[in-house]
Each structure stands twice: as C-alpha cells, then as structure tokens.
PDB file of all heavy atoms in Angstrom:
ATOM      1  N   LEU A   1     106.099 -21.831 143.791  1.00  0.00           N
ATOM      2  CA  LEU A   1     107.302 -21.921 142.967  1.00  0.00           C
ATOM      3  C   LEU A   1     107.117 -22.946 141.851  1.00  0.00           C
ATOM      4  O   LEU A   1     107.591 -22.739 140.725  1.00  0.00           O
ATOM      5  CB  LEU A   1     108.513 -22.283 143.820  1.00  0.00           C
ATOM      6  CG  LEU A   1     108.939 -21.264 144.878  1.00  0.00           C
ATOM      7  CD1 LEU A   1     110.257 -21.692 145.516  1.00  0.00           C
ATOM      8  CD2 LEU A   1     109.084 -19.865 144.301  1.00  0.00           C
ATOM      9  N   ILE A   2     106.420 -24.048 142.153  1.00  0.00           N
ATOM     10  CA  ILE A   2     106.145 -25.058 141.126  1.00  0.00           C
ATOM     11  C   ILE A   2     105.276 -24.458 140.029  1.00  0.00           C
ATOM     12  O   ILE A   2     105.498 -24.692 138.829  1.00  0.00           O
ATOM     13  CB  ILE A   2     105.448 -26.289 141.740  1.00  0.00           C
ATOM     14  CG1 ILE A   2     106.350 -26.963 142.779  1.00  0.00           C
ATOM     15  CG2 ILE A   2     105.056 -27.281 140.646  1.00  0.00           C
ATOM     16  CD1 ILE A   2     107.685 -27.383 142.273  1.00  0.00           C
ATOM     17  N   ASP A   3     104.269 -23.678 140.400  1.00  0.00           N
ATOM     18  CA  ASP A   3     103.419 -23.005 139.412  1.00  0.00           C
ATOM     19  C   ASP A   3     104.255 -22.124 138.486  1.00  0.00           C
ATOM     20  O   ASP A   3     104.084 -22.137 137.266  1.00  0.00           O
ATOM     21  CB  ASP A   3     102.357 -22.148 140.104  1.00  0.00           C
ATOM     22  CG  ASP A   3     101.218 -22.973 140.666  1.00  0.00           C
ATOM     23  OD1 ASP A   3     101.080 -24.135 140.251  1.00  0.00           O
ATOM     24  OD2 ASP A   3     100.478 -22.470 141.522  1.00  0.00           O
ATOM     25  N   ALA A   4     105.154 -21.338 139.089  1.00  0.00           N
ATOM     26  CA  ALA A   4     105.995 -20.436 138.297  1.00  0.00           C
ATOM     27  C   ALA A   4     106.908 -21.219 137.363  1.00  0.00           C
ATOM     28  O   ALA A   4     107.102 -20.844 136.197  1.00  0.00           O
ATOM     29  CB  ALA A   4     106.817 -19.547 139.222  1.00  0.00           C
ATOM     30  N   LEU A   5     107.481 -22.320 137.854  1.00  0.00           N
ATOM     31  CA  LEU A   5     108.377 -23.119 137.028  1.00  0.00           C
ATOM     32  C   LEU A   5     107.610 -23.791 135.889  1.00  0.00           C
ATOM     33  O   LEU A   5     108.132 -23.911 134.767  1.00  0.00           O
ATOM     34  CB  LEU A   5     109.088 -24.173 137.890  1.00  0.00           C
ATOM     35  CG  LEU A   5     110.162 -25.017 137.186  1.00  0.00           C
ATOM     36  CD1 LEU A   5     111.199 -24.142 136.491  1.00  0.00           C
ATOM     37  CD2 LEU A   5     110.835 -25.951 138.184  1.00  0.00           C
ATOM     38  N   ALA A   6     106.373 -24.220 136.153  1.00  0.00           N
ATOM     39  CA  ALA A   6     105.551 -24.825 135.095  1.00  0.00           C
ATOM     40  C   ALA A   6     105.277 -23.823 133.983  1.00  0.00           C
ATOM     41  O   ALA A   6     105.341 -24.163 132.792  1.00  0.00           O
ATOM     42  CB  ALA A   6     104.240 -25.344 135.683  1.00  0.00           C
ATOM     43  N   VAL A   7     104.977 -22.581 134.351  1.00  0.00           N
ATOM     44  CA  VAL A   7     104.741 -21.536 133.355  1.00  0.00           C
ATOM     45  C   VAL A   7     105.994 -21.304 132.520  1.00  0.00           C
ATOM     46  O   VAL A   7     105.928 -21.187 131.288  1.00  0.00           O
ATOM     47  CB  VAL A   7     104.297 -20.226 134.035  1.00  0.00           C
ATOM     48  CG1 VAL A   7     104.276 -19.069 133.040  1.00  0.00           C
ATOM     49  CG2 VAL A   7     102.915 -20.396 134.665  1.00  0.00           C
ATOM     50  N   LEU A   8     107.156 -21.241 133.174  1.00  0.00           N
ATOM     51  CA  LEU A   8     108.416 -21.049 132.458  1.00  0.00           C
ATOM     52  C   LEU A   8     108.674 -22.204 131.504  1.00  0.00           C
ATOM     53  O   LEU A   8     109.058 -21.990 130.340  1.00  0.00           O
ATOM     54  CB  LEU A   8     109.575 -20.920 133.451  1.00  0.00           C
ATOM     55  CG  LEU A   8     110.980 -20.855 132.828  1.00  0.00           C
ATOM     56  CD1 LEU A   8     111.134 -19.647 131.922  1.00  0.00           C
ATOM     57  CD2 LEU A   8     112.045 -20.857 133.922  1.00  0.00           C
ATOM     58  N   LEU A   9     108.465 -23.428 131.966  1.00  0.00           N
ATOM     59  CA  LEU A   9     108.750 -24.590 131.130  1.00  0.00           C
ATOM     60  C   LEU A   9     107.846 -24.616 129.902  1.00  0.00           C
ATOM     61  O   LEU A   9     108.293 -24.938 128.790  1.00  0.00           O
ATOM     62  CB  LEU A   9     108.589 -25.872 131.948  1.00  0.00           C
ATOM     63  CG  LEU A   9     109.062 -27.175 131.281  1.00  0.00           C
ATOM     64  CD1 LEU A   9     110.518 -27.062 130.850  1.00  0.00           C
ATOM     65  CD2 LEU A   9     108.872 -28.361 132.219  1.00  0.00           C
ATOM     66  N   VAL A  10     106.576 -24.265 130.075  1.00  0.00           N
ATOM     67  CA  VAL A  10     105.668 -24.198 128.932  1.00  0.00           C
ATOM     68  C   VAL A  10     106.147 -23.149 127.933  1.00  0.00           C
ATOM     69  O   VAL A  10     106.162 -23.379 126.713  1.00  0.00           O
ATOM     70  CB  VAL A  10     104.230 -23.887 129.398  1.00  0.00           C
ATOM     71  CG1 VAL A  10     103.351 -23.482 128.215  1.00  0.00           C
ATOM     72  CG2 VAL A  10     103.625 -25.103 130.092  1.00  0.00           C
ATOM     73  N   ARG A  11     106.548 -21.979 128.427  1.00  0.00           N
ATOM     74  CA  ARG A  11     107.034 -20.932 127.530  1.00  0.00           C
ATOM     75  C   ARG A  11     108.280 -21.380 126.767  1.00  0.00           C
ATOM     76  O   ARG A  11     108.422 -21.105 125.579  1.00  0.00           O
ATOM     77  CB  ARG A  11     107.338 -19.653 128.319  1.00  0.00           C
ATOM     78  CG  ARG A  11     106.108 -18.930 128.812  1.00  0.00           C
ATOM     79  CD  ARG A  11     106.422 -17.567 129.382  1.00  0.00           C
ATOM     80  NE  ARG A  11     106.962 -16.650 128.380  1.00  0.00           N
ATOM     81  CZ  ARG A  11     107.213 -15.366 128.613  1.00  0.00           C
ATOM     82  NH1 ARG A  11     106.961 -14.859 129.809  1.00  0.00           N
ATOM     83  NH2 ARG A  11     107.699 -14.595 127.663  1.00  0.00           N
ATOM     84  N   LEU A  12     109.186 -22.063 127.456  1.00  0.00           N
ATOM     85  CA  LEU A  12     110.383 -22.567 126.790  1.00  0.00           C
ATOM     86  C   LEU A  12     110.022 -23.573 125.702  1.00  0.00           C
ATOM     87  O   LEU A  12     110.553 -23.523 124.581  1.00  0.00           O
ATOM     88  CB  LEU A  12     111.318 -23.210 127.814  1.00  0.00           C
ATOM     89  CG  LEU A  12     112.025 -22.253 128.778  1.00  0.00           C
ATOM     90  CD1 LEU A  12     112.668 -23.026 129.917  1.00  0.00           C
ATOM     91  CD2 LEU A  12     113.078 -21.421 128.051  1.00  0.00           C
ATOM     92  N   HIS A  13     109.117 -24.488 126.017  1.00  0.00           N
ATOM     93  CA  HIS A  13     108.735 -25.515 125.053  1.00  0.00           C
ATOM     94  C   HIS A  13     107.984 -24.928 123.866  1.00  0.00           C
ATOM     95  O   HIS A  13     108.118 -25.422 122.731  1.00  0.00           O
ATOM     96  CB  HIS A  13     107.901 -26.590 125.749  1.00  0.00           C
ATOM     97  CG  HIS A  13     108.716 -27.499 126.619  1.00  0.00           C
ATOM     98  ND1 HIS A  13     108.160 -28.489 127.407  1.00  0.00           N
ATOM     99  CD2 HIS A  13     110.058 -27.557 126.832  1.00  0.00           C
ATOM    100  CE1 HIS A  13     109.128 -29.120 128.054  1.00  0.00           C
ATOM    101  NE2 HIS A  13     110.281 -28.570 127.723  1.00  0.00           N
ATOM    102  N   LEU A  14     107.193 -23.899 124.096  1.00  0.00           N
ATOM    103  CA  LEU A  14     106.489 -23.247 122.980  1.00  0.00           C
ATOM    104  C   LEU A  14     107.465 -22.623 121.987  1.00  0.00           C
ATOM    105  O   LEU A  14     107.182 -22.545 120.786  1.00  0.00           O
ATOM    106  CB  LEU A  14     105.528 -22.180 123.510  1.00  0.00           C
ATOM    107  CG  LEU A  14     104.241 -22.674 124.177  1.00  0.00           C
ATOM    108  CD1 LEU A  14     103.511 -21.518 124.840  1.00  0.00           C
ATOM    109  CD2 LEU A  14     103.324 -23.362 123.168  1.00  0.00           C
ATOM    110  N   THR A  15     108.614 -22.176 122.489  1.00  0.00           N
ATOM    111  CA  THR A  15     109.625 -21.584 121.598  1.00  0.00           C
ATOM    112  C   THR A  15     110.531 -22.641 120.979  1.00  0.00           C
ATOM    113  O   THR A  15     111.387 -22.310 120.158  1.00  0.00           O
ATOM    114  CB  THR A  15     110.513 -20.575 122.359  1.00  0.00           C
ATOM    115  OG1 THR A  15     111.236 -21.262 123.393  1.00  0.00           O
ATOM    116  CG2 THR A  15     109.674 -19.474 122.982  1.00  0.00           C
ATOM    117  N   GLY A  16     110.369 -23.903 121.390  1.00  0.00           N
ATOM    118  CA  GLY A  16     111.203 -24.966 120.847  1.00  0.00           C
ATOM    119  C   GLY A  16     112.471 -25.220 121.638  1.00  0.00           C
ATOM    120  O   GLY A  16     113.400 -25.861 121.142  1.00  0.00           O
ATOM    121  N   PHE A  17     112.523 -24.742 122.884  1.00  0.00           N
ATOM    122  CA  PHE A  17     113.731 -24.920 123.692  1.00  0.00           C
ATOM    123  C   PHE A  17     113.586 -26.156 124.577  1.00  0.00           C
ATOM    124  O   PHE A  17     112.659 -26.257 125.386  1.00  0.00           O
ATOM    125  CB  PHE A  17     113.977 -23.695 124.568  1.00  0.00           C
ATOM    126  CG  PHE A  17     115.260 -23.760 125.360  1.00  0.00           C
ATOM    127  CD1 PHE A  17     116.479 -23.475 124.772  1.00  0.00           C
ATOM    128  CD2 PHE A  17     115.242 -24.131 126.702  1.00  0.00           C
ATOM    129  CE1 PHE A  17     117.668 -23.552 125.489  1.00  0.00           C
ATOM    130  CE2 PHE A  17     116.421 -24.208 127.435  1.00  0.00           C
ATOM    131  CZ  PHE A  17     117.632 -23.908 126.832  1.00  0.00           C
ATOM    132  N   TYR A  18     114.523 -27.089 124.404  1.00  0.00           N
ATOM    133  CA  TYR A  18     114.621 -28.263 125.277  1.00  0.00           C
ATOM    134  C   TYR A  18     115.655 -27.950 126.354  1.00  0.00           C
ATOM    135  O   TYR A  18     116.811 -27.652 126.039  1.00  0.00           O
ATOM    136  CB  TYR A  18     115.045 -29.487 124.468  1.00  0.00           C
ATOM    137  CG  TYR A  18     115.428 -30.675 125.309  1.00  0.00           C
ATOM    138  CD1 TYR A  18     114.448 -31.458 125.920  1.00  0.00           C
ATOM    139  CD2 TYR A  18     116.767 -31.003 125.512  1.00  0.00           C
ATOM    140  CE1 TYR A  18     114.812 -32.542 126.709  1.00  0.00           C
ATOM    141  CE2 TYR A  18     117.129 -32.084 126.286  1.00  0.00           C
ATOM    142  CZ  TYR A  18     116.143 -32.850 126.891  1.00  0.00           C
ATOM    143  OH  TYR A  18     116.492 -33.925 127.679  1.00  0.00           O
ATOM    144  N   TRP A  19     115.256 -27.994 127.628  1.00  0.00           N
ATOM    145  CA  TRP A  19     116.115 -27.556 128.719  1.00  0.00           C
ATOM    146  C   TRP A  19     117.144 -28.620 129.074  1.00  0.00           C
ATOM    147  O   TRP A  19     118.342 -28.358 129.196  1.00  0.00           O
ATOM    148  CB  TRP A  19     115.254 -27.194 129.916  1.00  0.00           C
ATOM    149  CG  TRP A  19     115.926 -26.378 130.976  1.00  0.00           C
ATOM    150  CD1 TRP A  19     117.263 -26.251 131.191  1.00  0.00           C
ATOM    151  CD2 TRP A  19     115.286 -25.558 131.953  1.00  0.00           C
ATOM    152  NE1 TRP A  19     117.501 -25.405 132.250  1.00  0.00           N
ATOM    153  CE2 TRP A  19     116.293 -24.976 132.744  1.00  0.00           C
ATOM    154  CE3 TRP A  19     113.965 -25.270 132.256  1.00  0.00           C
ATOM    155  CZ2 TRP A  19     116.012 -24.123 133.807  1.00  0.00           C
ATOM    156  CZ3 TRP A  19     113.672 -24.423 133.307  1.00  0.00           C
ATOM    157  CH2 TRP A  19     114.695 -23.845 134.071  1.00  0.00           C
ATOM    158  N   GLY A  20     116.680 -29.833 129.334  1.00  0.00           N
ATOM    159  CA  GLY A  20     117.597 -30.923 129.628  1.00  0.00           C
ATOM    160  C   GLY A  20     118.003 -31.066 131.077  1.00  0.00           C
ATOM    161  O   GLY A  20     118.533 -32.105 131.471  1.00  0.00           O
ATOM    162  N   ASP A  21     117.794 -30.038 131.878  1.00  0.00           N
ATOM    163  CA  ASP A  21     118.140 -30.116 133.308  1.00  0.00           C
ATOM    164  C   ASP A  21     117.222 -29.182 134.090  1.00  0.00           C
ATOM    165  O   ASP A  21     117.678 -28.283 134.797  1.00  0.00           O
ATOM    166  CB  ASP A  21     119.607 -29.749 133.521  1.00  0.00           C
ATOM    167  CG  ASP A  21     120.099 -30.088 134.930  1.00  0.00           C
ATOM    168  OD1 ASP A  21     119.401 -30.863 135.625  1.00  0.00           O
ATOM    169  OD2 ASP A  21     121.149 -29.585 135.347  1.00  0.00           O
ATOM    170  N   VAL A  22     115.917 -29.415 133.966  1.00  0.00           N
ATOM    171  CA  VAL A  22     114.933 -28.559 134.634  1.00  0.00           C
ATOM    172  C   VAL A  22     114.997 -28.799 136.136  1.00  0.00           C
ATOM    173  O   VAL A  22     114.928 -29.936 136.595  1.00  0.00           O
ATOM    174  CB  VAL A  22     113.500 -28.870 134.145  1.00  0.00           C
ATOM    175  CG1 VAL A  22     112.530 -27.813 134.657  1.00  0.00           C
ATOM    176  CG2 VAL A  22     113.457 -28.967 132.632  1.00  0.00           C
ATOM    177  N   SER A  23     115.161 -27.724 136.899  1.00  0.00           N
ATOM    178  CA  SER A  23     115.222 -27.864 138.348  1.00  0.00           C
ATOM    179  C   SER A  23     114.996 -26.504 138.990  1.00  0.00           C
ATOM    180  O   SER A  23     115.095 -25.459 138.329  1.00  0.00           O
ATOM    181  CB  SER A  23     116.586 -28.420 138.794  1.00  0.00           C
ATOM    182  OG  SER A  23     117.611 -27.483 138.501  1.00  0.00           O
ATOM    183  N   LEU A  24     114.710 -26.509 140.268  1.00  0.00           N
ATOM    184  CA  LEU A  24     114.615 -25.261 141.022  1.00  0.00           C
ATOM    185  C   LEU A  24     115.979 -24.595 141.103  1.00  0.00           C
ATOM    186  O   LEU A  24     116.084 -23.369 141.113  1.00  0.00           O
ATOM    187  CB  LEU A  24     114.066 -25.544 142.424  1.00  0.00           C
ATOM    188  CG  LEU A  24     112.626 -26.057 142.510  1.00  0.00           C
ATOM    189  CD1 LEU A  24     112.302 -26.481 143.946  1.00  0.00           C
ATOM    190  CD2 LEU A  24     111.628 -25.018 142.034  1.00  0.00           C
ATOM    191  N   SER A  25     117.041 -25.399 141.163  1.00  0.00           N
ATOM    192  CA  SER A  25     118.393 -24.850 141.297  1.00  0.00           C
ATOM    193  C   SER A  25     118.803 -24.040 140.074  1.00  0.00           C
ATOM    194  O   SER A  25     119.597 -23.103 140.193  1.00  0.00           O
ATOM    195  CB  SER A  25     119.406 -25.979 141.516  1.00  0.00           C
ATOM    196  OG  SER A  25     119.138 -26.680 142.708  1.00  0.00           O
ATOM    197  N   ASN A  26     118.290 -24.405 138.906  1.00  0.00           N
ATOM    198  CA  ASN A  26     118.654 -23.722 137.673  1.00  0.00           C
ATOM    199  C   ASN A  26     117.682 -22.605 137.323  1.00  0.00           C
ATOM    200  O   ASN A  26     117.589 -22.190 136.161  1.00  0.00           O
ATOM    201  CB  ASN A  26     118.730 -24.728 136.521  1.00  0.00           C
ATOM    202  CG  ASN A  26     119.915 -25.654 136.652  1.00  0.00           C
ATOM    203  OD1 ASN A  26     120.910 -25.311 137.298  1.00  0.00           O
ATOM    204  ND2 ASN A  26     119.829 -26.830 136.061  1.00  0.00           N
ATOM    205  N   THR A  27     116.970 -22.131 138.337  1.00  0.00           N
ATOM    206  CA  THR A  27     115.936 -21.115 138.129  1.00  0.00           C
ATOM    207  C   THR A  27     116.089 -20.018 139.180  1.00  0.00           C
ATOM    208  O   THR A  27     116.479 -20.292 140.315  1.00  0.00           O
ATOM    209  CB  THR A  27     114.531 -21.753 138.273  1.00  0.00           C
ATOM    210  OG1 THR A  27     114.474 -22.948 137.496  1.00  0.00           O
ATOM    211  CG2 THR A  27     113.442 -20.800 137.813  1.00  0.00           C
ATOM    212  N   LEU A  28     115.800 -18.798 138.788  1.00  0.00           N
ATOM    213  CA  LEU A  28     115.678 -17.691 139.729  1.00  0.00           C
ATOM    214  C   LEU A  28     114.231 -17.258 139.785  1.00  0.00           C
ATOM    215  O   LEU A  28     113.488 -17.382 138.805  1.00  0.00           O
ATOM    216  CB  LEU A  28     116.559 -16.507 139.308  1.00  0.00           C
ATOM    217  CG  LEU A  28     118.062 -16.646 139.547  1.00  0.00           C
ATOM    218  CD1 LEU A  28     118.801 -15.454 138.946  1.00  0.00           C
ATOM    219  CD2 LEU A  28     118.371 -16.771 141.042  1.00  0.00           C
ATOM    220  N   PHE A  29     113.817 -16.712 140.936  1.00  0.00           N
ATOM    221  CA  PHE A  29     112.427 -16.331 141.124  1.00  0.00           C
ATOM    222  C   PHE A  29     112.334 -14.865 141.544  1.00  0.00           C
ATOM    223  O   PHE A  29     113.111 -14.398 142.382  1.00  0.00           O
ATOM    224  CB  PHE A  29     111.770 -17.213 142.194  1.00  0.00           C
ATOM    225  CG  PHE A  29     111.716 -18.667 141.811  1.00  0.00           C
ATOM    226  CD1 PHE A  29     112.748 -19.531 142.143  1.00  0.00           C
ATOM    227  CD2 PHE A  29     110.646 -19.159 141.083  1.00  0.00           C
ATOM    228  CE1 PHE A  29     112.720 -20.866 141.765  1.00  0.00           C
ATOM    229  CE2 PHE A  29     110.593 -20.495 140.711  1.00  0.00           C
ATOM    230  CZ  PHE A  29     111.629 -21.351 141.057  1.00  0.00           C
ATOM    231  N   ARG A  30     111.380 -14.158 140.934  1.00  0.00           N
ATOM    232  CA  ARG A  30     111.088 -12.772 141.319  1.00  0.00           C
ATOM    233  C   ARG A  30     109.630 -12.667 141.704  1.00  0.00           C
ATOM    234  O   ARG A  30     108.771 -13.361 141.148  1.00  0.00           O
ATOM    235  CB  ARG A  30     111.343 -11.817 140.141  1.00  0.00           C
ATOM    236  CG  ARG A  30     112.784 -11.693 139.740  1.00  0.00           C
ATOM    237  CD  ARG A  30     112.950 -10.853 138.489  1.00  0.00           C
ATOM    238  NE  ARG A  30     112.714  -9.436 138.749  1.00  0.00           N
ATOM    239  CZ  ARG A  30     112.860  -8.491 137.823  1.00  0.00           C
ATOM    240  NH1 ARG A  30     113.211  -8.819 136.589  1.00  0.00           N
ATOM    241  NH2 ARG A  30     112.654  -7.229 138.116  1.00  0.00           N
ATOM    242  N   ARG A  31     109.349 -11.781 142.658  1.00  0.00           N
ATOM    243  CA  ARG A  31     107.967 -11.557 143.051  1.00  0.00           C
ATOM    244  C   ARG A  31     107.192 -10.917 141.909  1.00  0.00           C
ATOM    245  O   ARG A  31     107.685 -10.032 141.222  1.00  0.00           O
ATOM    246  CB  ARG A  31     107.898 -10.666 144.284  1.00  0.00           C
ATOM    247  CG  ARG A  31     108.491 -11.335 145.495  1.00  0.00           C
ATOM    248  CD  ARG A  31     108.194 -10.577 146.776  1.00  0.00           C
ATOM    249  NE  ARG A  31     108.633 -11.391 147.899  1.00  0.00           N
ATOM    250  CZ  ARG A  31     107.937 -12.390 148.414  1.00  0.00           C
ATOM    251  NH1 ARG A  31     106.756 -12.682 147.906  1.00  0.00           N
ATOM    252  NH2 ARG A  31     108.395 -13.089 149.430  1.00  0.00           N
ATOM    253  N   ASP A  32     105.961 -11.378 141.720  1.00  0.00           N
ATOM    254  CA  ASP A  32     105.131 -10.885 140.626  1.00  0.00           C
ATOM    255  C   ASP A  32     103.690 -10.770 141.110  1.00  0.00           C
ATOM    256  O   ASP A  32     102.883 -11.664 140.917  1.00  0.00           O
ATOM    257  CB  ASP A  32     105.233 -11.827 139.422  1.00  0.00           C
ATOM    258  CG  ASP A  32     104.581 -11.267 138.172  1.00  0.00           C
ATOM    259  OD1 ASP A  32     104.180 -10.089 138.186  1.00  0.00           O
ATOM    260  OD2 ASP A  32     104.466 -12.002 137.178  1.00  0.00           O
ATOM    261  N   ALA A  33     103.400  -9.624 141.775  1.00  0.00           N
ATOM    262  CA  ALA A  33     102.052  -9.349 142.302  1.00  0.00           C
ATOM    263  C   ALA A  33     101.569 -10.465 143.221  1.00  0.00           C
ATOM    264  O   ALA A  33     100.486 -11.023 143.064  1.00  0.00           O
ATOM    265  CB  ALA A  33     101.066  -9.127 141.165  1.00  0.00           C
ATOM    266  N   GLY A  34     102.389 -10.815 144.196  1.00  0.00           N
ATOM    267  CA  GLY A  34     102.000 -11.820 145.175  1.00  0.00           C
ATOM    268  C   GLY A  34     102.338 -13.236 144.765  1.00  0.00           C
ATOM    269  O   GLY A  34     102.365 -14.141 145.600  1.00  0.00           O
ATOM    270  N   GLU A  35     102.574 -13.465 143.481  1.00  0.00           N
ATOM    271  CA  GLU A  35     103.005 -14.771 142.994  1.00  0.00           C
ATOM    272  C   GLU A  35     104.507 -14.691 142.706  1.00  0.00           C
ATOM    273  O   GLU A  35     105.189 -13.790 143.165  1.00  0.00           O
ATOM    274  CB  GLU A  35     102.215 -15.152 141.731  1.00  0.00           C
ATOM    275  CG  GLU A  35     100.719 -15.220 141.936  1.00  0.00           C
ATOM    276  CD  GLU A  35     100.319 -16.250 142.988  1.00  0.00           C
ATOM    277  OE1 GLU A  35     100.990 -17.295 143.073  1.00  0.00           O
ATOM    278  OE2 GLU A  35      99.349 -16.000 143.723  1.00  0.00           O
ATOM    279  N   PHE A  36     105.002 -15.665 141.938  1.00  0.00           N
ATOM    280  CA  PHE A  36     106.401 -15.640 141.541  1.00  0.00           C
ATOM    281  C   PHE A  36     106.518 -15.806 140.033  1.00  0.00           C
ATOM    282  O   PHE A  36     105.692 -16.480 139.404  1.00  0.00           O
ATOM    283  CB  PHE A  36     107.196 -16.758 142.233  1.00  0.00           C
ATOM    284  CG  PHE A  36     107.404 -16.530 143.694  1.00  0.00           C
ATOM    285  CD1 PHE A  36     106.602 -17.151 144.628  1.00  0.00           C
ATOM    286  CD2 PHE A  36     108.402 -15.672 144.144  1.00  0.00           C
ATOM    287  CE1 PHE A  36     106.785 -16.935 145.987  1.00  0.00           C
ATOM    288  CE2 PHE A  36     108.592 -15.448 145.491  1.00  0.00           C
ATOM    289  CZ  PHE A  36     107.777 -16.078 146.417  1.00  0.00           C
ATOM    290  N   ALA A  37     107.511 -15.167 139.465  1.00  0.00           N
ATOM    291  CA  ALA A  37     107.870 -15.377 138.063  1.00  0.00           C
ATOM    292  C   ALA A  37     109.218 -16.081 138.038  1.00  0.00           C
ATOM    293  O   ALA A  37     110.117 -15.735 138.804  1.00  0.00           O
ATOM    294  CB  ALA A  37     107.943 -14.042 137.319  1.00  0.00           C
ATOM    295  N   ALA A  38     109.352 -17.085 137.176  1.00  0.00           N
ATOM    296  CA  ALA A  38     110.562 -17.900 137.115  1.00  0.00           C
ATOM    297  C   ALA A  38     111.405 -17.507 135.905  1.00  0.00           C
ATOM    298  O   ALA A  38     110.872 -17.195 134.834  1.00  0.00           O
ATOM    299  CB  ALA A  38     110.194 -19.383 137.040  1.00  0.00           C
ATOM    300  N   TYR A  39     112.733 -17.536 136.083  1.00  0.00           N
ATOM    301  CA  TYR A  39     113.677 -17.190 135.030  1.00  0.00           C
ATOM    302  C   TYR A  39     114.727 -18.290 134.900  1.00  0.00           C
ATOM    303  O   TYR A  39     115.278 -18.736 135.903  1.00  0.00           O
ATOM    304  CB  TYR A  39     114.382 -15.862 135.344  1.00  0.00           C
ATOM    305  CG  TYR A  39     113.472 -14.662 135.330  1.00  0.00           C
ATOM    306  CD1 TYR A  39     112.599 -14.411 136.376  1.00  0.00           C
ATOM    307  CD2 TYR A  39     113.484 -13.779 134.249  1.00  0.00           C
ATOM    308  CE1 TYR A  39     111.756 -13.316 136.367  1.00  0.00           C
ATOM    309  CE2 TYR A  39     112.643 -12.672 134.225  1.00  0.00           C
ATOM    310  CZ  TYR A  39     111.773 -12.449 135.287  1.00  0.00           C
ATOM    311  OH  TYR A  39     110.935 -11.369 135.268  1.00  0.00           O
ATOM    312  N   LEU A  40     115.000 -18.693 133.678  1.00  0.00           N
ATOM    313  CA  LEU A  40     116.039 -19.692 133.442  1.00  0.00           C
ATOM    314  C   LEU A  40     117.412 -19.083 133.703  1.00  0.00           C
ATOM    315  O   LEU A  40     117.711 -17.985 133.244  1.00  0.00           O
ATOM    316  CB  LEU A  40     115.943 -20.198 131.997  1.00  0.00           C
ATOM    317  CG  LEU A  40     116.994 -21.216 131.544  1.00  0.00           C
ATOM    318  CD1 LEU A  40     116.372 -22.224 130.584  1.00  0.00           C
ATOM    319  CD2 LEU A  40     118.187 -20.540 130.876  1.00  0.00           C
ATOM    320  N   VAL A  41     118.245 -19.813 134.449  1.00  0.00           N
ATOM    321  CA  VAL A  41     119.595 -19.351 134.764  1.00  0.00           C
ATOM    322  C   VAL A  41     120.632 -20.163 134.005  1.00  0.00           C
ATOM    323  O   VAL A  41     121.593 -19.611 133.463  1.00  0.00           O
ATOM    324  CB  VAL A  41     119.869 -19.459 136.279  1.00  0.00           C
ATOM    325  CG1 VAL A  41     121.297 -19.043 136.598  1.00  0.00           C
ATOM    326  CG2 VAL A  41     118.889 -18.600 137.053  1.00  0.00           C
TER     327      VAL A  41
END
C-alpha cells in the first residue's frame, strides 16, 4: 500500500498538485495485477 501511495503522490506532484493531507485514510486502493493502485479521495 505504501508503494501504491508513493506512486500516486509522485503523479500528483508531477502535475503540480499539493495534497496537504496525504494519508492512507484519504486514499482508496484497487487491485492491479497482484499489486495495488491508489486513488485520491
């Protein structure tokens, strides 16, 4: 889950988005070929 959240955070920062409250609670996770993909909620 940490790996998935790190990928999401990098993608957000590349687009110029500052989250301000990064957490597992503010994220949803979907299965992605045995790993997880993270989505900002």
